[in-house]
Amino acid sequence: MKRLNLLSVIFALTVGNLFGQNIPEQLESIADSYYEKSELNGTILVADCDQILFEKSYGLANTEKNISNNIDTKFMIG
């Protein structure tokens, strides 16, 4: 399922590029749709070399204290 989601994002960005759509707006639209379906909680950063194309946080970092994720939220991923 995760592979299918990644492929759909890549396809959407490729098609959008061909038709001149704004990539940051496309990324936000895709991420927002996943968040609305409760399939996304965290922070997304998409960059091309040294240029940030998209950066946004979604959901809660701490559900007990109702603290939102933000760009500086530390995640234990390893």
PDB file of N, CA and C in Angstrom:
ATOM      1  N   MET A   1       0.828  -1.199   0.000  1.00  0.00           N
ATOM      2  CA  MET A   1       0.000   0.000   0.000  1.00  0.00           C
ATOM      3  C   MET A   1       0.867   1.256   0.000  1.00  0.00           C
ATOM      4  N   LYS A   2       1.951   1.266   0.790  1.00  0.00           N
ATOM      5  CA  LYS A   2       2.812   2.435   0.833  1.00  0.00           C
ATOM      6  C   LYS A   2       3.464   2.677  -0.526  1.00  0.00           C
ATOM      7  N   ARG A   3       3.827   1.602  -1.216  1.00  0.00           N
ATOM      8  CA  ARG A   3       4.440   1.747  -2.534  1.00  0.00           C
ATOM      9  C   ARG A   3       3.448   2.367  -3.512  1.00  0.00           C
ATOM     10  N   LEU A   4       2.178   1.945  -3.427  1.00  0.00           N
ATOM     11  CA  LEU A   4       1.145   2.500  -4.284  1.00  0.00           C
ATOM     12  C   LEU A   4       0.952   3.988  -3.999  1.00  0.00           C
ATOM     13  N   ASN A   5       0.961   4.379  -2.731  1.00  0.00           N
ATOM     14  CA  ASN A   5       0.829   5.794  -2.372  1.00  0.00           C
ATOM     15  C   ASN A   5       1.982   6.607  -2.935  1.00  0.00           C
ATOM     16  N   LEU A   6       3.192   6.104  -2.814  1.00  0.00           N
ATOM     17  CA  LEU A   6       4.354   6.810  -3.333  1.00  0.00           C
ATOM     18  C   LEU A   6       4.272   6.937  -4.849  1.00  0.00           C
ATOM     19  N   LEU A   7       3.863   5.878  -5.518  1.00  0.00           N
ATOM     20  CA  LEU A   7       3.722   5.933  -6.967  1.00  0.00           C
ATOM     21  C   LEU A   7       2.651   6.936  -7.387  1.00  0.00           C
ATOM     22  N   SER A   8       1.567   7.032  -6.619  1.00  0.00           N
ATOM     23  CA  SER A   8       0.518   7.998  -6.969  1.00  0.00           C
ATOM     24  C   SER A   8       1.025   9.426  -6.800  1.00  0.00           C
ATOM     25  N   VAL A   9       1.852   9.681  -5.801  1.00  0.00           N
ATOM     26  CA  VAL A   9       2.422  11.019  -5.607  1.00  0.00           C
ATOM     27  C   VAL A   9       3.370  11.348  -6.752  1.00  0.00           C
ATOM     28  N   ILE A  10       4.244  10.404  -7.111  1.00  0.00           N
ATOM     29  CA  ILE A  10       5.176  10.636  -8.213  1.00  0.00           C
ATOM     30  C   ILE A  10       4.416  10.884  -9.510  1.00  0.00           C
ATOM     31  N   PHE A  11       3.387  10.085  -9.767  1.00  0.00           N
ATOM     32  CA  PHE A  11       2.585  10.266 -10.979  1.00  0.00           C
ATOM     33  C   PHE A  11       1.920  11.634 -10.993  1.00  0.00           C
ATOM     34  N   ALA A  12       1.330  12.035  -9.871  1.00  0.00           N
ATOM     35  CA  ALA A  12       0.645  13.331  -9.800  1.00  0.00           C
ATOM     36  C   ALA A  12       1.622  14.478 -10.053  1.00  0.00           C
ATOM     37  N   LEU A  13       2.809  14.392  -9.499  1.00  0.00           N
ATOM     38  CA  LEU A  13       3.801  15.447  -9.699  1.00  0.00           C
ATOM     39  C   LEU A  13       4.288  15.491 -11.146  1.00  0.00           C
ATOM     40  N   THR A  14       4.469  14.322 -11.744  1.00  0.00           N
ATOM     41  CA  THR A  14       4.917  14.276 -13.136  1.00  0.00           C
ATOM     42  C   THR A  14       3.862  14.852 -14.065  1.00  0.00           C
ATOM     43  N   VAL A  15       2.630  14.430 -13.896  1.00  0.00           N
ATOM     44  CA  VAL A  15       1.539  14.938 -14.735  1.00  0.00           C
ATOM     45  C   VAL A  15       1.360  16.434 -14.504  1.00  0.00           C
ATOM     46  N   GLY A  16       1.420  16.863 -13.253  1.00  0.00           N
ATOM     47  CA  GLY A  16       1.292  18.281 -12.940  1.00  0.00           C
ATOM     48  C   GLY A  16       2.374  19.110 -13.589  1.00  0.00           C
ATOM     49  N   ASN A  17       3.594  18.577 -13.591  1.00  0.00           N
ATOM     50  CA  ASN A  17       4.711  19.276 -14.233  1.00  0.00           C
ATOM     51  C   ASN A  17       4.474  19.434 -15.727  1.00  0.00           C
ATOM     52  N   LEU A  18       3.939  18.402 -16.347  1.00  0.00           N
ATOM     53  CA  LEU A  18       3.670  18.457 -17.787  1.00  0.00           C
ATOM     54  C   LEU A  18       2.637  19.518 -18.124  1.00  0.00           C
ATOM     55  N   PHE A  19       1.683  19.715 -17.235  1.00  0.00           N
ATOM     56  CA  PHE A  19       0.610  20.676 -17.497  1.00  0.00           C
ATOM     57  C   PHE A  19       0.834  22.003 -16.791  1.00  0.00           C
ATOM     58  N   GLY A  20       2.016  22.228 -16.248  1.00  0.00           N
ATOM     59  CA  GLY A  20       2.393  23.519 -15.689  1.00  0.00           C
ATOM     60  C   GLY A  20       1.764  23.845 -14.348  1.00  0.00           C
ATOM     61  N   GLN A  21       1.326  22.839 -13.588  1.00  0.00           N
ATOM     62  CA  GLN A  21       0.743  23.119 -12.284  1.00  0.00           C
ATOM     63  C   GLN A  21       1.861  23.365 -11.274  1.00  0.00           C
ATOM     64  N   ASN A  22       1.534  24.105 -10.237  1.00  0.00           N
ATOM     65  CA  ASN A  22       2.476  24.481  -9.199  1.00  0.00           C
ATOM     66  C   ASN A  22       2.768  23.279  -8.290  1.00  0.00           C
ATOM     67  N   ILE A  23       4.022  22.830  -8.230  1.00  0.00           N
ATOM     68  CA  ILE A  23       4.380  21.643  -7.455  1.00  0.00           C
ATOM     69  C   ILE A  23       4.096  21.816  -5.962  1.00  0.00           C
ATOM     70  N   PRO A  24       4.468  22.940  -5.314  1.00  0.00           N
ATOM     71  CA  PRO A  24       4.134  23.065  -3.891  1.00  0.00           C
ATOM     72  C   PRO A  24       2.626  22.965  -3.619  1.00  0.00           C
ATOM     73  N   GLU A  25       1.811  23.525  -4.482  1.00  0.00           N
ATOM     74  CA  GLU A  25       0.361  23.423  -4.302  1.00  0.00           C
ATOM     75  C   GLU A  25      -0.110  21.987  -4.481  1.00  0.00           C
ATOM     76  N   GLN A  26       0.475  21.271  -5.426  1.00  0.00           N
ATOM     77  CA  GLN A  26       0.128  19.866  -5.626  1.00  0.00           C
ATOM     78  C   GLN A  26       0.505  19.036  -4.402  1.00  0.00           C
ATOM     79  N   LEU A  27       1.713  19.258  -3.890  1.00  0.00           N
ATOM     80  CA  LEU A  27       2.166  18.519  -2.712  1.00  0.00           C
ATOM     81  C   LEU A  27       1.249  18.785  -1.524  1.00  0.00           C
ATOM     82  N   GLU A  28       0.882  20.033  -1.323  1.00  0.00           N
ATOM     83  CA  GLU A  28      -0.002  20.366  -0.211  1.00  0.00           C
ATOM     84  C   GLU A  28      -1.359  19.705  -0.387  1.00  0.00           C
ATOM     85  N   SER A  29      -1.880  19.704  -1.582  1.00  0.00           N
ATOM     86  CA  SER A  29      -3.171  19.079  -1.847  1.00  0.00           C
ATOM     87  C   SER A  29      -3.128  17.580  -1.555  1.00  0.00           C
ATOM     88  N   ILE A  30      -2.064  16.917  -1.999  1.00  0.00           N
ATOM     89  CA  ILE A  30      -1.919  15.483  -1.761  1.00  0.00           C
ATOM     90  C   ILE A  30      -1.778  15.204  -0.263  1.00  0.00           C
ATOM     91  N   ALA A  31      -0.915  15.945   0.412  1.00  0.00           N
ATOM     92  CA  ALA A  31      -0.703  15.742   1.850  1.00  0.00           C
ATOM     93  C   ALA A  31      -1.974  16.032   2.637  1.00  0.00           C
ATOM     94  N   ASP A  32      -2.675  17.108   2.285  1.00  0.00           N
ATOM     95  CA  ASP A  32      -3.925  17.445   2.974  1.00  0.00           C
ATOM     96  C   ASP A  32      -4.952  16.331   2.836  1.00  0.00           C
ATOM     97  N   SER A  33      -5.021  15.716   1.656  1.00  0.00           N
ATOM     98  CA  SER A  33      -5.996  14.636   1.466  1.00  0.00           C
ATOM     99  C   SER A  33      -5.664  13.434   2.344  1.00  0.00           C
ATOM    100  N   TYR A  34      -4.376  13.121   2.500  1.00  0.00           N
ATOM    101  CA  TYR A  34      -3.989  12.028   3.403  1.00  0.00           C
ATOM    102  C   TYR A  34      -4.293  12.391   4.861  1.00  0.00           C
ATOM    103  N   TYR A  35      -4.044  13.633   5.237  1.00  0.00           N
ATOM    104  CA  TYR A  35      -4.314  14.068   6.612  1.00  0.00           C
ATOM    105  C   TYR A  35      -5.812  14.001   6.922  1.00  0.00           C
ATOM    106  N   GLU A  36      -6.636  14.426   5.979  1.00  0.00           N
ATOM    107  CA  GLU A  36      -8.087  14.398   6.177  1.00  0.00           C
ATOM    108  C   GLU A  36      -8.609  12.982   6.367  1.00  0.00           C
ATOM    109  N   LYS A  37      -7.919  11.989   5.789  1.00  0.00           N
ATOM    110  CA  LYS A  37      -8.315  10.583   5.943  1.00  0.00           C
ATOM    111  C   LYS A  37      -7.606   9.926   7.130  1.00  0.00           C
ATOM    112  N   SER A  38      -6.949  10.730   7.964  1.00  0.00           N
ATOM    113  CA  SER A  38      -6.198  10.250   9.137  1.00  0.00           C
ATOM    114  C   SER A  38      -5.089   9.277   8.755  1.00  0.00           C
ATOM    115  N   GLU A  39      -4.478   9.478   7.591  1.00  0.00           N
ATOM    116  CA  GLU A  39      -3.388   8.626   7.137  1.00  0.00           C
ATOM    117  C   GLU A  39      -2.034   9.333   7.210  1.00  0.00           C
ATOM    118  N   LEU A  40      -2.018  10.530   7.802  1.00  0.00           N
ATOM    119  CA  LEU A  40      -0.781  11.297   7.883  1.00  0.00           C
ATOM    120  C   LEU A  40      -0.716  12.019   9.217  1.00  0.00           C
ATOM    121  N   ASN A  41       0.398  11.842   9.897  1.00  0.00           N
ATOM    122  CA  ASN A  41       0.680  12.548  11.135  1.00  0.00           C
ATOM    123  C   ASN A  41       2.191  12.729  11.194  1.00  0.00           C
ATOM    124  N   GLY A  42       2.659  13.951  11.040  1.00  0.00           N
ATOM    125  CA  GLY A  42       4.099  14.185  11.028  1.00  0.00           C
ATOM    126  C   GLY A  42       4.444  15.442  10.261  1.00  0.00           C
ATOM    127  N   THR A  43       5.663  15.488   9.765  1.00  0.00           N
ATOM    128  CA  THR A  43       6.161  16.647   9.030  1.00  0.00           C
ATOM    129  C   THR A  43       6.707  16.196   7.686  1.00  0.00           C
ATOM    130  N   ILE A  44       6.427  16.980   6.664  1.00  0.00           N
ATOM    131  CA  ILE A  44       6.899  16.678   5.322  1.00  0.00           C
ATOM    132  C   ILE A  44       7.853  17.787   4.880  1.00  0.00           C
ATOM    133  N   LEU A  45       8.974  17.378   4.309  1.00  0.00           N
ATOM    134  CA  LEU A  45       9.926  18.316   3.715  1.00  0.00           C
ATOM    135  C   LEU A  45      10.329  17.750   2.368  1.00  0.00           C
ATOM    136  N   VAL A  46      10.077  18.522   1.313  1.00  0.00           N
ATOM    137  CA  VAL A  46      10.489  18.135  -0.040  1.00  0.00           C
ATOM    138  C   VAL A  46      11.401  19.240  -0.536  1.00  0.00           C
ATOM    139  N   ALA A  47      12.614  18.834  -0.942  1.00  0.00           N
ATOM    140  CA  ALA A  47      13.599  19.814  -1.402  1.00  0.00           C
ATOM    141  C   ALA A  47      14.231  19.345  -2.699  1.00  0.00           C
ATOM    142  N   ASP A  48      14.686  20.306  -3.472  1.00  0.00           N
ATOM    143  CA  ASP A  48      15.442  20.045  -4.690  1.00  0.00           C
ATOM    144  C   ASP A  48      16.761  20.779  -4.536  1.00  0.00           C
ATOM    145  N   CYS A  49      17.824  20.005  -4.327  1.00  0.00           N
ATOM    146  CA  CYS A  49      19.142  20.555  -3.989  1.00  0.00           C
ATOM    147  C   CYS A  49      19.008  21.411  -2.727  1.00  0.00           C
ATOM    148  N   ASP A  50      19.228  22.715  -2.799  1.00  0.00           N
ATOM    149  CA  ASP A  50      19.140  23.552  -1.603  1.00  0.00           C
ATOM    150  C   ASP A  50      17.847  24.376  -1.555  1.00  0.00           C
ATOM    151  N   GLN A  51      16.919  24.097  -2.444  1.00  0.00           N
ATOM    152  CA  GLN A  51      15.662  24.849  -2.481  1.00  0.00           C
ATOM    153  C   GLN A  51      14.531  24.007  -1.888  1.00  0.00           C
ATOM    154  N   ILE A  52      13.884  24.526  -0.849  1.00  0.00           N
ATOM    155  CA  ILE A  52      12.752  23.838  -0.239  1.00  0.00           C
ATOM    156  C   ILE A  52      11.524  24.073  -1.110  1.00  0.00           C
ATOM    157  N   LEU A  53      10.933  22.968  -1.584  1.00  0.00           N
ATOM    158  CA  LEU A  53       9.744  23.047  -2.420  1.00  0.00           C
ATOM    159  C   LEU A  53       8.470  23.023  -1.582  1.00  0.00           C
ATOM    160  N   PHE A  54       8.505  22.250  -0.483  1.00  0.00           N
ATOM    161  CA  PHE A  54       7.317  22.110   0.361  1.00  0.00           C
ATOM    162  C   PHE A  54       7.743  21.696   1.759  1.00  0.00           C
ATOM    163  N   GLU A  55       7.141  22.332   2.758  1.00  0.00           N
ATOM    164  CA  GLU A  55       7.429  22.011   4.160  1.00  0.00           C
ATOM    165  C   GLU A  55       6.184  22.318   4.976  1.00  0.00           C
ATOM    166  N   LYS A  56       5.644  21.288   5.641  1.00  0.00           N
ATOM    167  CA  LYS A  56       4.436  21.490   6.433  1.00  0.00           C
ATOM    168  C   LYS A  56       4.303  20.362   7.440  1.00  0.00           C
ATOM    169  N   SER A  57       3.733  20.692   8.608  1.00  0.00           N
ATOM    170  CA  SER A  57       3.508  19.710   9.662  1.00  0.00           C
ATOM    171  C   SER A  57       2.021  19.426   9.806  1.00  0.00           C
ATOM    172  N   TYR A  58       1.720  18.185  10.182  1.00  0.00           N
ATOM    173  CA  TYR A  58       0.336  17.733  10.322  1.00  0.00           C
ATOM    174  C   TYR A  58       0.164  16.979  11.634  1.00  0.00           C
ATOM    175  N   GLY A  59      -0.996  17.112  12.237  1.00  0.00           N
ATOM    176  CA  GLY A  59      -1.361  16.294  13.391  1.00  0.00           C
ATOM    177  C   GLY A  59      -0.740  16.737  14.693  1.00  0.00           C
ATOM    178  N   LEU A  60      -0.749  15.787  15.637  1.00  0.00           N
ATOM    179  CA  LEU A  60      -0.300  16.069  16.993  1.00  0.00           C
ATOM    180  C   LEU A  60       1.013  15.364  17.317  1.00  0.00           C
ATOM    181  N   ALA A  61       1.900  16.093  17.981  1.00  0.00           N
ATOM    182  CA  ALA A  61       3.148  15.513  18.477  1.00  0.00           C
ATOM    183  C   ALA A  61       2.893  14.775  19.787  1.00  0.00           C
ATOM    184  N   ASN A  62       1.952  15.283  20.570  1.00  0.00           N
ATOM    185  CA  ASN A  62       1.594  14.680  21.857  1.00  0.00           C
ATOM    186  C   ASN A  62       0.077  14.737  22.002  1.00  0.00           C
ATOM    187  N   THR A  63      -0.554  13.583  21.886  1.00  0.00           N
ATOM    188  CA  THR A  63      -2.019  13.545  21.946  1.00  0.00           C
ATOM    189  C   THR A  63      -2.536  13.787  23.362  1.00  0.00           C
ATOM    190  N   GLU A  64      -1.791  13.367  24.378  1.00  0.00           N
ATOM    191  CA  GLU A  64      -2.233  13.553  25.765  1.00  0.00           C
ATOM    192  C   GLU A  64      -2.279  15.031  26.146  1.00  0.00           C
ATOM    193  N   LYS A  65      -1.303  15.796  25.684  1.00  0.00           N
ATOM    194  CA  LYS A  65      -1.231  17.219  26.021  1.00  0.00           C
ATOM    195  C   LYS A  65      -1.743  18.111  24.897  1.00  0.00           C
ATOM    196  N   ASN A  66      -2.246  17.504  23.806  1.00  0.00           N
ATOM    197  CA  ASN A  66      -2.798  18.223  22.667  1.00  0.00           C
ATOM    198  C   ASN A  66      -1.790  19.222  22.071  1.00  0.00           C
ATOM    199  N   ILE A  67      -0.547  18.763  21.883  1.00  0.00           N
ATOM    200  CA  ILE A  67       0.514  19.593  21.313  1.00  0.00           C
ATOM    201  C   ILE A  67       0.668  19.240  19.841  1.00  0.00           C
ATOM    202  N   SER A  68       0.553  20.237  18.983  1.00  0.00           N
ATOM    203  CA  SER A  68       0.632  20.025  17.536  1.00  0.00           C
ATOM    204  C   SER A  68       2.061  19.803  17.070  1.00  0.00           C
ATOM    205  N   ASN A  69       2.189  19.044  15.984  1.00  0.00           N
ATOM    206  CA  ASN A  69       3.481  18.951  15.302  1.00  0.00           C
ATOM    207  C   ASN A  69       3.804  20.300  14.703  1.00  0.00           C
ATOM    208  N   ASN A  70       5.093  20.622  14.633  1.00  0.00           N
ATOM    209  CA  ASN A  70       5.541  21.814  13.920  1.00  0.00           C
ATOM    210  C   ASN A  70       6.868  21.481  13.241  1.00  0.00           C
ATOM    211  N   ILE A  71       7.389  22.421  12.535  1.00  0.00           N
ATOM    212  CA  ILE A  71       8.612  22.189  11.753  1.00  0.00           C
ATOM    213  C   ILE A  71       9.779  21.761  12.639  1.00  0.00           C
ATOM    214  N   ASP A  72       9.789  22.168  13.903  1.00  0.00           N
ATOM    215  CA  ASP A  72      10.895  21.849  14.812  1.00  0.00           C
ATOM    216  C   ASP A  72      10.635  20.622  15.692  1.00  0.00           C
ATOM    217  N   THR A  73       9.521  19.911  15.504  1.00  0.00           N
ATOM    218  CA  THR A  73       9.219  18.724  16.294  1.00  0.00           C
ATOM    219  C   THR A  73      10.294  17.666  16.066  1.00  0.00           C
ATOM    220  N   LYS A  74      10.780  17.079  17.162  1.00  0.00           N
ATOM    221  CA  LYS A  74      11.766  16.002  17.094  1.00  0.00           C
ATOM    222  C   LYS A  74      11.024  14.666  17.058  1.00  0.00           C
ATOM    223  N   PHE A  75      11.405  13.801  16.109  1.00  0.00           N
ATOM    224  CA  PHE A  75      10.783  12.489  15.964  1.00  0.00           C
ATOM    225  C   PHE A  75      11.797  11.402  16.279  1.00  0.00           C
ATOM    226  N   MET A  76      11.381  10.402  17.041  1.00  0.00           N
ATOM    227  CA  MET A  76      12.229   9.242  17.328  1.00  0.00           C
ATOM    228  C   MET A  76      11.971   8.223  16.221  1.00  0.00           C
ATOM    229  N   ILE A  77      12.866   8.136  15.257  1.00  0.00           N
ATOM    230  CA  ILE A  77      12.619   7.293  14.098  1.00  0.00           C
ATOM    231  C   ILE A  77      13.557   6.098  13.997  1.00  0.00           C
ATOM    232  N   GLY A  78      14.521   5.976  14.909  1.00  0.00           N
ATOM    233  CA  GLY A  78      15.485   4.911  14.745  1.00  0.00           C
ATOM    234  C   GLY A  78      15.524   3.928  15.849  1.00  0.00           C
TER     235      GLY A  78
END
